[in-house]
Full PDB file with SEQRES, HELIX, SHEET, SSBOND, CRYST1, ORIGX, SCALE, CONECT and MASTER records, all heavy atoms in Angstrom:
SEQRES   1 A   39  MET ASP ALA ALA MET ALA ARG ILE THR THR GLY THR ASN          
SEQRES   2 A   39  ASP ALA VAL ALA ASP CYS ASP LEU VAL VAL GLU ALA ALA          
SEQRES   3 A   39  LEU GLU ASP MET GLU LEU LYS LYS ARG LEU PHE ARG ASP          
HELIX    1 AA1 ASP A    2  ALA A    6  1                                   5    
HELIX    2 AA2 ASN A   13  VAL A   16  5                                   4    
HELIX    3 AA3 MET A   30  ARG A   38  1                                   9    
CRYST1    1.000    1.000    1.000  90.00  90.00  90.00 P 1           1          
ORIGX1      1.000000  0.000000  0.000000        0.00000                         
ORIGX2      0.000000  1.000000  0.000000        0.00000                         
ORIGX3      0.000000  0.000000  1.000000        0.00000                         
SCALE1      1.000000  0.000000  0.000000        0.00000                         
SCALE2      0.000000  1.000000  0.000000        0.00000                         
SCALE3      0.000000  0.000000  1.000000        0.00000                         
ATOM      1  N   MET A   1      90.792 -33.903-142.735  1.00  0.00           N  
ATOM      2  CA  MET A   1      89.351 -33.960-142.623  1.00  0.00           C  
ATOM      3  C   MET A   1      88.959 -35.104-141.687  1.00  0.00           C  
ATOM      4  O   MET A   1      88.136 -34.931-140.835  1.00  0.00           O  
ATOM      5  CB  MET A   1      88.739 -34.104-144.000  1.00  0.00           C  
ATOM      6  CG  MET A   1      87.234 -34.405-143.958  1.00  0.00           C  
ATOM      7  SD  MET A   1      86.540 -34.827-145.556  1.00  0.00           S  
ATOM      8  CE  MET A   1      84.965 -35.553-145.040  1.00  0.00           C  
ATOM      9  N   ASP A   2      89.512 -36.278-141.923  1.00  0.00           N  
ATOM     10  CA  ASP A   2      89.183 -37.423-141.137  1.00  0.00           C  
ATOM     11  C   ASP A   2      89.512 -37.281-139.671  1.00  0.00           C  
ATOM     12  O   ASP A   2      88.708 -37.594-138.810  1.00  0.00           O  
ATOM     13  CB  ASP A   2      89.869 -38.673-141.685  1.00  0.00           C  
ATOM     14  CG  ASP A   2      89.342 -39.098-143.090  1.00  0.00           C  
ATOM     15  OD1 ASP A   2      88.274 -38.711-143.451  1.00  0.00           O  
ATOM     16  OD2 ASP A   2      90.111 -39.832-143.784  1.00  0.00           O  
ATOM     17  N   ALA A   3      90.636 -36.629-139.422  1.00  0.00           N  
ATOM     18  CA  ALA A   3      91.073 -36.364-138.053  1.00  0.00           C  
ATOM     19  C   ALA A   3      90.119 -35.370-137.392  1.00  0.00           C  
ATOM     20  O   ALA A   3      89.760 -35.562-136.240  1.00  0.00           O  
ATOM     21  CB  ALA A   3      92.530 -35.767-138.015  1.00  0.00           C  
ATOM     22  N   ALA A   4      89.724 -34.341-138.122  1.00  0.00           N  
ATOM     23  CA  ALA A   4      88.800 -33.311-137.578  1.00  0.00           C  
ATOM     24  C   ALA A   4      87.438 -33.978-137.208  1.00  0.00           C  
ATOM     25  O   ALA A   4      86.817 -33.754-136.119  1.00  0.00           O  
ATOM     26  CB  ALA A   4      88.623 -32.183-138.476  1.00  0.00           C  
ATOM     27  N   MET A   5      86.933 -34.772-138.137  1.00  0.00           N  
ATOM     28  CA  MET A   5      85.593 -35.404-137.942  1.00  0.00           C  
ATOM     29  C   MET A   5      85.660 -36.343-136.708  1.00  0.00           C  
ATOM     30  O   MET A   5      84.731 -36.512-136.020  1.00  0.00           O  
ATOM     31  CB  MET A   5      85.135 -36.118-139.199  1.00  0.00           C  
ATOM     32  CG  MET A   5      84.841 -35.214-140.356  1.00  0.00           C  
ATOM     33  SD  MET A   5      83.523 -34.037-139.943  1.00  0.00           S  
ATOM     34  CE  MET A   5      82.111 -35.157-139.874  1.00  0.00           C  
ATOM     35  N   ALA A   6      86.831 -37.040-136.581  1.00  0.00           N  
ATOM     36  CA  ALA A   6      86.985 -37.981-135.472  1.00  0.00           C  
ATOM     37  C   ALA A   6      87.013 -37.207-134.110  1.00  0.00           C  
ATOM     38  O   ALA A   6      86.744 -37.938-133.013  1.00  0.00           O  
ATOM     39  CB  ALA A   6      88.216 -38.781-135.628  1.00  0.00           C  
ATOM     40  N   ARG A   7      87.328 -35.962-134.137  1.00  0.00           N  
ATOM     41  CA  ARG A   7      87.343 -35.184-132.844  1.00  0.00           C  
ATOM     42  C   ARG A   7      86.013 -34.706-132.417  1.00  0.00           C  
ATOM     43  O   ARG A   7      85.902 -34.173-131.334  1.00  0.00           O  
ATOM     44  CB  ARG A   7      88.354 -34.043-133.017  1.00  0.00           C  
ATOM     45  CG  ARG A   7      89.749 -34.366-133.280  1.00  0.00           C  
ATOM     46  CD  ARG A   7      90.631 -33.055-133.224  1.00  0.00           C  
ATOM     47  NE  ARG A   7      91.973 -33.435-133.697  1.00  0.00           N  
ATOM     48  CZ  ARG A   7      92.497 -33.046-134.856  1.00  0.00           C  
ATOM     49  NH1 ARG A   7      91.800 -32.264-135.656  1.00  0.00           N  
ATOM     50  NH2 ARG A   7      93.680 -33.379-135.249  1.00  0.00           N  
ATOM     51  N   ILE A   8      85.031 -34.960-133.304  1.00  0.00           N  
ATOM     52  CA  ILE A   8      83.607 -34.429-133.011  1.00  0.00           C  
ATOM     53  C   ILE A   8      82.717 -35.575-132.635  1.00  0.00           C  
ATOM     54  O   ILE A   8      82.576 -36.586-133.376  1.00  0.00           O  
ATOM     55  CB  ILE A   8      83.064 -33.741-134.235  1.00  0.00           C  
ATOM     56  CG1 ILE A   8      83.963 -32.576-134.659  1.00  0.00           C  
ATOM     57  CG2 ILE A   8      81.679 -33.144-133.874  1.00  0.00           C  
ATOM     58  CD1 ILE A   8      83.564 -31.921-136.027  1.00  0.00           C  
ATOM     59  N   THR A   9      82.057 -35.470-131.501  1.00  0.00           N  
ATOM     60  CA  THR A   9      81.028 -36.374-131.115  1.00  0.00           C  
ATOM     61  C   THR A   9      79.750 -35.495-130.995  1.00  0.00           C  
ATOM     62  O   THR A   9      79.798 -34.278-130.993  1.00  0.00           O  
ATOM     63  CB  THR A   9      81.283 -37.099-129.767  1.00  0.00           C  
ATOM     64  OG1 THR A   9      81.532 -36.174-128.792  1.00  0.00           O  
ATOM     65  CG2 THR A   9      82.455 -38.000-129.879  1.00  0.00           C  
ATOM     66  N   THR A  10      78.563 -36.197-130.931  1.00  0.00           N  
ATOM     67  CA  THR A  10      77.341 -35.456-130.850  1.00  0.00           C  
ATOM     68  C   THR A  10      76.516 -36.017-129.697  1.00  0.00           C  
ATOM     69  O   THR A  10      76.731 -37.051-129.187  1.00  0.00           O  
ATOM     70  CB  THR A  10      76.493 -35.579-132.131  1.00  0.00           C  
ATOM     71  OG1 THR A  10      76.243 -36.997-132.361  1.00  0.00           O  
ATOM     72  CG2 THR A  10      77.320 -35.097-133.280  1.00  0.00           C  
ATOM     73  N   GLY A  11      75.541 -35.167-129.268  1.00  0.00           N  
ATOM     74  CA  GLY A  11      74.638 -35.593-128.188  1.00  0.00           C  
ATOM     75  C   GLY A  11      73.620 -34.504-127.926  1.00  0.00           C  
ATOM     76  O   GLY A  11      73.513 -33.476-128.556  1.00  0.00           O  
ATOM     77  N   THR A  12      72.887 -34.746-126.867  1.00  0.00           N  
ATOM     78  CA  THR A  12      71.953 -33.704-126.314  1.00  0.00           C  
ATOM     79  C   THR A  12      72.713 -32.839-125.291  1.00  0.00           C  
ATOM     80  O   THR A  12      73.910 -33.112-124.964  1.00  0.00           O  
ATOM     81  CB  THR A  12      70.691 -34.331-125.704  1.00  0.00           C  
ATOM     82  OG1 THR A  12      71.108 -35.343-124.749  1.00  0.00           O  
ATOM     83  CG2 THR A  12      69.822 -34.990-126.720  1.00  0.00           C  
ATOM     84  N   ASN A  13      72.057 -31.838-124.847  1.00  0.00           N  
ATOM     85  CA  ASN A  13      72.757 -30.756-124.061  1.00  0.00           C  
ATOM     86  C   ASN A  13      73.503 -31.285-122.749  1.00  0.00           C  
ATOM     87  O   ASN A  13      74.552 -30.754-122.407  1.00  0.00           O  
ATOM     88  CB  ASN A  13      71.846 -29.638-123.700  1.00  0.00           C  
ATOM     89  CG  ASN A  13      71.389 -28.869-124.935  1.00  0.00           C  
ATOM     90  OD1 ASN A  13      71.885 -28.982-126.023  1.00  0.00           O  
ATOM     91  ND2 ASN A  13      70.343 -28.017-124.761  1.00  0.00           N  
ATOM     92  N   ASP A  14      73.017 -32.365-122.227  1.00  0.00           N  
ATOM     93  CA  ASP A  14      73.641 -32.836-120.970  1.00  0.00           C  
ATOM     94  C   ASP A  14      74.955 -33.601-121.302  1.00  0.00           C  
ATOM     95  O   ASP A  14      75.763 -33.940-120.403  1.00  0.00           O  
ATOM     96  CB  ASP A  14      72.697 -33.778-120.239  1.00  0.00           C  
ATOM     97  CG  ASP A  14      72.155 -34.980-121.058  1.00  0.00           C  
ATOM     98  OD1 ASP A  14      72.547 -35.064-122.268  1.00  0.00           O  
ATOM     99  OD2 ASP A  14      71.419 -35.767-120.499  1.00  0.00           O  
ATOM    100  N   ALA A  15      75.335 -33.724-122.621  1.00  0.00           N  
ATOM    101  CA  ALA A  15      76.583 -34.405-122.954  1.00  0.00           C  
ATOM    102  C   ALA A  15      77.843 -33.536-122.720  1.00  0.00           C  
ATOM    103  O   ALA A  15      78.890 -33.963-122.882  1.00  0.00           O  
ATOM    104  CB  ALA A  15      76.559 -34.783-124.367  1.00  0.00           C  
ATOM    105  N   VAL A  16      77.564 -32.268-122.305  1.00  0.00           N  
ATOM    106  CA  VAL A  16      78.741 -31.340-122.017  1.00  0.00           C  
ATOM    107  C   VAL A  16      79.233 -31.451-120.650  1.00  0.00           C  
ATOM    108  O   VAL A  16      80.067 -30.663-120.196  1.00  0.00           O  
ATOM    109  CB  VAL A  16      78.285 -29.879-122.394  1.00  0.00           C  
ATOM    110  CG1 VAL A  16      77.874 -29.699-123.809  1.00  0.00           C  
ATOM    111  CG2 VAL A  16      77.223 -29.422-121.424  1.00  0.00           C  
ATOM    112  N   ALA A  17      78.744 -32.393-119.883  1.00  0.00           N  
ATOM    113  CA  ALA A  17      79.023 -32.500-118.464  1.00  0.00           C  
ATOM    114  C   ALA A  17      80.481 -32.438-118.108  1.00  0.00           C  
ATOM    115  O   ALA A  17      80.876 -31.879-117.135  1.00  0.00           O  
ATOM    116  CB  ALA A  17      78.355 -33.702-117.803  1.00  0.00           C  
ATOM    117  N   ASP A  18      81.310 -33.079-118.911  1.00  0.00           N  
ATOM    118  CA  ASP A  18      82.783 -33.176-118.628  1.00  0.00           C  
ATOM    119  C   ASP A  18      83.620 -32.268-119.447  1.00  0.00           C  
ATOM    120  O   ASP A  18      84.764 -32.477-119.591  1.00  0.00           O  
ATOM    121  CB  ASP A  18      83.264 -34.646-118.765  1.00  0.00           C  
ATOM    122  CG  ASP A  18      83.152 -35.149-120.167  1.00  0.00           C  
ATOM    123  OD1 ASP A  18      82.368 -34.590-121.016  1.00  0.00           O  
ATOM    124  OD2 ASP A  18      83.772 -36.162-120.522  1.00  0.00           O  
ATOM    125  N   CYS A  19      83.007 -31.246-119.986  1.00  0.00           N  
ATOM    126  CA  CYS A  19      83.684 -30.333-120.906  1.00  0.00           C  
ATOM    127  C   CYS A  19      84.528 -29.273-120.071  1.00  0.00           C  
ATOM    128  O   CYS A  19      84.096 -28.889-119.011  1.00  0.00           O  
ATOM    129  CB  CYS A  19      82.767 -29.645-121.891  1.00  0.00           C  
ATOM    130  SG  CYS A  19      82.135 -30.714-123.180  1.00  0.00           S  
ATOM    131  N   ASP A  20      85.607 -28.801-120.651  1.00  0.00           N  
ATOM    132  CA  ASP A  20      86.409 -27.787-120.061  1.00  0.00           C  
ATOM    133  C   ASP A  20      85.783 -26.366-120.400  1.00  0.00           C  
ATOM    134  O   ASP A  20      85.904 -25.447-119.567  1.00  0.00           O  
ATOM    135  CB  ASP A  20      87.806 -27.785-120.551  1.00  0.00           C  
ATOM    136  CG  ASP A  20      88.477 -29.213-120.249  1.00  0.00           C  
ATOM    137  OD1 ASP A  20      88.626 -29.490-119.095  1.00  0.00           O  
ATOM    138  OD2 ASP A  20      88.757 -29.947-121.222  1.00  0.00           O  
ATOM    139  N   LEU A  21      85.208 -26.232-121.563  1.00  0.00           N  
ATOM    140  CA  LEU A  21      84.589 -25.004-122.001  1.00  0.00           C  
ATOM    141  C   LEU A  21      83.316 -25.320-122.701  1.00  0.00           C  
ATOM    142  O   LEU A  21      83.272 -26.262-123.526  1.00  0.00           O  
ATOM    143  CB  LEU A  21      85.592 -24.253-122.980  1.00  0.00           C  
ATOM    144  CG  LEU A  21      84.894 -23.102-123.741  1.00  0.00           C  
ATOM    145  CD1 LEU A  21      84.650 -21.875-122.876  1.00  0.00           C  
ATOM    146  CD2 LEU A  21      85.846 -22.668-124.987  1.00  0.00           C  
ATOM    147  N   VAL A  22      82.233 -24.556-122.383  1.00  0.00           N  
ATOM    148  CA  VAL A  22      80.987 -24.623-123.100  1.00  0.00           C  
ATOM    149  C   VAL A  22      80.772 -23.336-123.857  1.00  0.00           C  
ATOM    150  O   VAL A  22      80.856 -22.289-123.286  1.00  0.00           O  
ATOM    151  CB  VAL A  22      79.791 -24.933-122.155  1.00  0.00           C  
ATOM    152  CG1 VAL A  22      78.505 -24.933-122.912  1.00  0.00           C  
ATOM    153  CG2 VAL A  22      79.978 -26.324-121.516  1.00  0.00           C  
ATOM    154  N   VAL A  23      80.453 -23.492-125.139  1.00  0.00           N  
ATOM    155  CA  VAL A  23      80.195 -22.315-125.972  1.00  0.00           C  
ATOM    156  C   VAL A  23      78.634 -22.442-126.276  1.00  0.00           C  
ATOM    157  O   VAL A  23      78.222 -23.331-126.972  1.00  0.00           O  
ATOM    158  CB  VAL A  23      80.987 -22.237-127.186  1.00  0.00           C  
ATOM    159  CG1 VAL A  23      80.582 -20.950-127.966  1.00  0.00           C  
ATOM    160  CG2 VAL A  23      82.499 -22.216-126.958  1.00  0.00           C  
ATOM    161  N   GLU A  24      77.840 -21.538-125.699  1.00  0.00           N  
ATOM    162  CA  GLU A  24      76.422 -21.553-126.028  1.00  0.00           C  
ATOM    163  C   GLU A  24      76.151 -20.876-127.313  1.00  0.00           C  
ATOM    164  O   GLU A  24      76.505 -19.673-127.504  1.00  0.00           O  
ATOM    165  CB  GLU A  24      75.676 -20.960-124.848  1.00  0.00           C  
ATOM    166  CG  GLU A  24      74.203 -20.718-125.050  1.00  0.00           C  
ATOM    167  CD  GLU A  24      73.930 -19.341-125.727  1.00  0.00           C  
ATOM    168  OE1 GLU A  24      74.507 -18.330-125.355  1.00  0.00           O  
ATOM    169  OE2 GLU A  24      73.155 -19.379-126.642  1.00  0.00           O  
ATOM    170  N   ALA A  25      75.481 -21.465-128.248  1.00  0.00           N  
ATOM    171  CA  ALA A  25      75.170 -20.931-129.574  1.00  0.00           C  
ATOM    172  C   ALA A  25      73.685 -21.168-129.875  1.00  0.00           C  
ATOM    173  O   ALA A  25      73.336 -21.540-131.001  1.00  0.00           O  
ATOM    174  CB  ALA A  25      76.102 -21.453-130.633  1.00  0.00           C  
ATOM    175  N   ALA A  26      72.828 -21.021-128.891  1.00  0.00           N  
ATOM    176  CA  ALA A  26      71.400 -21.214-129.069  1.00  0.00           C  
ATOM    177  C   ALA A  26      70.797 -19.942-129.697  1.00  0.00           C  
ATOM    178  O   ALA A  26      71.404 -19.014-130.033  1.00  0.00           O  
ATOM    179  CB  ALA A  26      70.739 -21.604-127.716  1.00  0.00           C  
ATOM    180  N   LEU A  27      69.484 -20.005-129.832  1.00  0.00           N  
ATOM    181  CA  LEU A  27      68.719 -18.893-130.423  1.00  0.00           C  
ATOM    182  C   LEU A  27      68.979 -17.566-129.564  1.00  0.00           C  
ATOM    183  O   LEU A  27      69.217 -17.603-128.396  1.00  0.00           O  
ATOM    184  CB  LEU A  27      67.270 -19.204-130.419  1.00  0.00           C  
ATOM    185  CG  LEU A  27      66.783 -20.360-131.307  1.00  0.00           C  
ATOM    186  CD1 LEU A  27      65.306 -20.569-131.192  1.00  0.00           C  
ATOM    187  CD2 LEU A  27      67.181 -20.045-132.813  1.00  0.00           C  
ATOM    188  N   GLU A  28      68.907 -16.432-130.271  1.00  0.00           N  
ATOM    189  CA  GLU A  28      69.177 -15.153-129.663  1.00  0.00           C  
ATOM    190  C   GLU A  28      68.011 -14.716-128.786  1.00  0.00           C  
ATOM    191  O   GLU A  28      67.235 -13.757-129.189  1.00  0.00           O  
ATOM    192  CB  GLU A  28      69.488 -14.184-130.797  1.00  0.00           C  
ATOM    193  CG  GLU A  28      70.142 -12.810-130.266  1.00  0.00           C  
ATOM    194  CD  GLU A  28      71.593 -13.059-129.775  1.00  0.00           C  
ATOM    195  OE1 GLU A  28      72.116 -14.169-129.690  1.00  0.00           O  
ATOM    196  OE2 GLU A  28      72.233 -12.005-129.609  1.00  0.00           O  
ATOM    197  N   ASP A  29      67.791 -15.376-127.682  1.00  0.00           N  
ATOM    198  CA  ASP A  29      66.655 -15.108-126.812  1.00  0.00           C  
ATOM    199  C   ASP A  29      67.155 -15.181-125.339  1.00  0.00           C  
ATOM    200  O   ASP A  29      67.662 -16.181-124.881  1.00  0.00           O  
ATOM    201  CB  ASP A  29      65.585 -16.194-126.974  1.00  0.00           C  
ATOM    202  CG  ASP A  29      64.437 -16.024-126.117  1.00  0.00           C  
ATOM    203  OD1 ASP A  29      64.416 -16.379-124.907  1.00  0.00           O  
ATOM    204  OD2 ASP A  29      63.361 -15.535-126.594  1.00  0.00           O  
ATOM    205  N   MET A  30      67.044 -13.956-124.675  1.00  0.00           N  
ATOM    206  CA  MET A  30      67.672 -13.925-123.353  1.00  0.00           C  
ATOM    207  C   MET A  30      67.103 -14.936-122.402  1.00  0.00           C  
ATOM    208  O   MET A  30      67.885 -15.631-121.677  1.00  0.00           O  
ATOM    209  CB  MET A  30      67.367 -12.487-122.776  1.00  0.00           C  
ATOM    210  CG  MET A  30      67.918 -12.263-121.380  1.00  0.00           C  
ATOM    211  SD  MET A  30      69.731 -12.386-121.267  1.00  0.00           S  
ATOM    212  CE  MET A  30      70.225 -10.768-121.751  1.00  0.00           C  
ATOM    213  N   GLU A  31      65.784 -15.095-122.239  1.00  0.00           N  
ATOM    214  CA  GLU A  31      65.251 -16.061-121.330  1.00  0.00           C  
ATOM    215  C   GLU A  31      65.634 -17.508-121.677  1.00  0.00           C  
ATOM    216  O   GLU A  31      65.938 -18.314-120.677  1.00  0.00           O  
ATOM    217  CB  GLU A  31      63.711 -15.884-121.275  1.00  0.00           C  
ATOM    218  CG  GLU A  31      63.219 -14.609-120.698  1.00  0.00           C  
ATOM    219  CD  GLU A  31      63.852 -14.276-119.340  1.00  0.00           C  
ATOM    220  OE1 GLU A  31      63.826 -15.167-118.479  1.00  0.00           O  
ATOM    221  OE2 GLU A  31      64.355 -13.144-119.182  1.00  0.00           O  
ATOM    222  N   LEU A  32      65.653 -17.876-122.902  1.00  0.00           N  
ATOM    223  CA  LEU A  32      66.153 -19.178-123.321  1.00  0.00           C  
ATOM    224  C   LEU A  32      67.575 -19.407-122.854  1.00  0.00           C  
ATOM    225  O   LEU A  32      67.889 -20.492-122.304  1.00  0.00           O  
ATOM    226  CB  LEU A  32      65.970 -19.365-124.805  1.00  0.00           C  
ATOM    227  CG  LEU A  32      66.396 -20.749-125.382  1.00  0.00           C  
ATOM    228  CD1 LEU A  32      65.492 -21.022-126.603  1.00  0.00           C  
ATOM    229  CD2 LEU A  32      67.838 -20.815-125.780  1.00  0.00           C  
ATOM    230  N   LYS A  33      68.427 -18.424-123.058  1.00  0.00           N  
ATOM    231  CA  LYS A  33      69.867 -18.603-122.766  1.00  0.00           C  
ATOM    232  C   LYS A  33      69.993 -18.660-121.209  1.00  0.00           C  
ATOM    233  O   LYS A  33      70.805 -19.430-120.707  1.00  0.00           O  
ATOM    234  CB  LYS A  33      70.641 -17.397-123.288  1.00  0.00           C  
ATOM    235  CG  LYS A  33      70.765 -17.448-124.803  1.00  0.00           C  
ATOM    236  CD  LYS A  33      71.581 -16.249-125.331  1.00  0.00           C  
ATOM    237  CE  LYS A  33      71.623 -16.175-126.872  1.00  0.00           C  
ATOM    238  NZ  LYS A  33      72.367 -17.203-127.434  1.00  0.00           N  
ATOM    239  N   LYS A  34      69.241 -17.875-120.439  1.00  0.00           N  
ATOM    240  CA  LYS A  34      69.366 -17.928-119.005  1.00  0.00           C  
ATOM    241  C   LYS A  34      68.898 -19.330-118.438  1.00  0.00           C  
ATOM    242  O   LYS A  34      69.630 -19.845-117.605  1.00  0.00           O  
ATOM    243  CB  LYS A  34      68.399 -16.898-118.379  1.00  0.00           C  
ATOM    244  CG  LYS A  34      68.937 -15.453-118.409  1.00  0.00           C  
ATOM    245  CD  LYS A  34      67.890 -14.544-117.751  1.00  0.00           C  
ATOM    246  CE  LYS A  34      68.309 -13.106-117.668  1.00  0.00           C  
ATOM    247  NZ  LYS A  34      67.332 -12.239-117.025  1.00  0.00           N  
ATOM    248  N   ARG A  35      67.825 -19.847-119.035  1.00  0.00           N  
ATOM    249  CA  ARG A  35      67.471 -21.181-118.582  1.00  0.00           C  
ATOM    250  C   ARG A  35      68.523 -22.208-118.912  1.00  0.00           C  
ATOM    251  O   ARG A  35      68.822 -23.130-118.096  1.00  0.00           O  
ATOM    252  CB  ARG A  35      66.164 -21.589-119.244  1.00  0.00           C  
ATOM    253  CG  ARG A  35      64.901 -20.813-118.755  1.00  0.00           C  
ATOM    254  CD  ARG A  35      63.611 -21.574-119.196  1.00  0.00           C  
ATOM    255  NE  ARG A  35      63.568 -21.756-120.603  1.00  0.00           N  
ATOM    256  CZ  ARG A  35      63.028 -20.850-121.488  1.00  0.00           C  
ATOM    257  NH1 ARG A  35      62.575 -19.728-121.010  1.00  0.00           N  
ATOM    258  NH2 ARG A  35      62.990 -21.115-122.778  1.00  0.00           N  
ATOM    259  N   LEU A  36      69.095 -22.076-120.117  1.00  0.00           N  
ATOM    260  CA  LEU A  36      70.141 -23.003-120.551  1.00  0.00           C  
ATOM    261  C   LEU A  36      71.285 -23.001-119.604  1.00  0.00           C  
ATOM    262  O   LEU A  36      71.800 -24.064-119.113  1.00  0.00           O  
ATOM    263  CB  LEU A  36      70.642 -22.625-121.971  1.00  0.00           C  
ATOM    264  CG  LEU A  36      71.605 -23.557-122.586  1.00  0.00           C  
ATOM    265  CD1 LEU A  36      71.136 -25.010-122.589  1.00  0.00           C  
ATOM    266  CD2 LEU A  36      71.857 -23.109-124.026  1.00  0.00           C  
ATOM    267  N   PHE A  37      71.820 -21.802-119.192  1.00  0.00           N  
ATOM    268  CA  PHE A  37      72.949 -21.724-118.294  1.00  0.00           C  
ATOM    269  C   PHE A  37      72.580 -22.233-116.893  1.00  0.00           C  
ATOM    270  O   PHE A  37      73.447 -22.835-116.210  1.00  0.00           O  
ATOM    271  CB  PHE A  37      73.462 -20.312-118.211  1.00  0.00           C  
ATOM    272  CG  PHE A  37      74.365 -19.931-119.434  1.00  0.00           C  
ATOM    273  CD1 PHE A  37      74.033 -18.917-120.262  1.00  0.00           C  
ATOM    274  CD2 PHE A  37      75.524 -20.624-119.659  1.00  0.00           C  
ATOM    275  CE1 PHE A  37      74.803 -18.587-121.350  1.00  0.00           C  
ATOM    276  CE2 PHE A  37      76.342 -20.328-120.723  1.00  0.00           C  
ATOM    277  CZ  PHE A  37      75.976 -19.304-121.566  1.00  0.00           C  
ATOM    278  N   ARG A  38      71.333 -21.949-116.412  1.00  0.00           N  
ATOM    279  CA  ARG A  38      70.920 -22.484-115.154  1.00  0.00           C  
ATOM    280  C   ARG A  38      70.982 -24.009-115.183  1.00  0.00           C  
ATOM    281  O   ARG A  38      71.406 -24.660-114.183  1.00  0.00           O  
ATOM    282  CB  ARG A  38      69.528 -21.925-114.728  1.00  0.00           C  
ATOM    283  CG  ARG A  38      69.536 -20.480-114.329  1.00  0.00           C  
ATOM    284  CD  ARG A  38      68.200 -20.195-113.632  1.00  0.00           C  
ATOM    285  NE  ARG A  38      67.082 -20.297-114.500  1.00  0.00           N  
ATOM    286  CZ  ARG A  38      66.515 -19.312-115.200  1.00  0.00           C  
ATOM    287  NH1 ARG A  38      67.084 -18.055-115.175  1.00  0.00           N  
ATOM    288  NH2 ARG A  38      65.436 -19.475-115.924  1.00  0.00           N  
ATOM    289  N   ASP A  39      70.527 -24.567-116.277  1.00  0.00           N  
ATOM    290  CA  ASP A  39      70.565 -26.051-116.366  1.00  0.00           C  
ATOM    291  C   ASP A  39      71.969 -26.574-116.476  1.00  0.00           C  
ATOM    292  O   ASP A  39      72.363 -27.607-115.864  1.00  0.00           O  
ATOM    293  CB  ASP A  39      69.771 -26.498-117.573  1.00  0.00           C  
ATOM    294  CG  ASP A  39      68.287 -26.275-117.525  1.00  0.00           C  
ATOM    295  OD1 ASP A  39      67.791 -26.066-116.422  1.00  0.00           O  
ATOM    296  OD2 ASP A  39      67.600 -26.226-118.574  1.00  0.00           O  
TER     297      ASP A  39                                                      
MASTER        0    0    0    3    0    0    0    6  296    1    0    3          
END                                                                             
C-alpha cells in the first residue's frame, strides 16, 4: 500500500506534460473531451 501511494502524485491537468501515456477520464461530454485533447 505504501509503495503504491508513493507512486502517485497529484496536480492540475498541465502536470501531465512529461507523461508517456495520458488516460482521459473526464465527464462523458464530446466537446469537453475535444477541448481537453486540444489543450
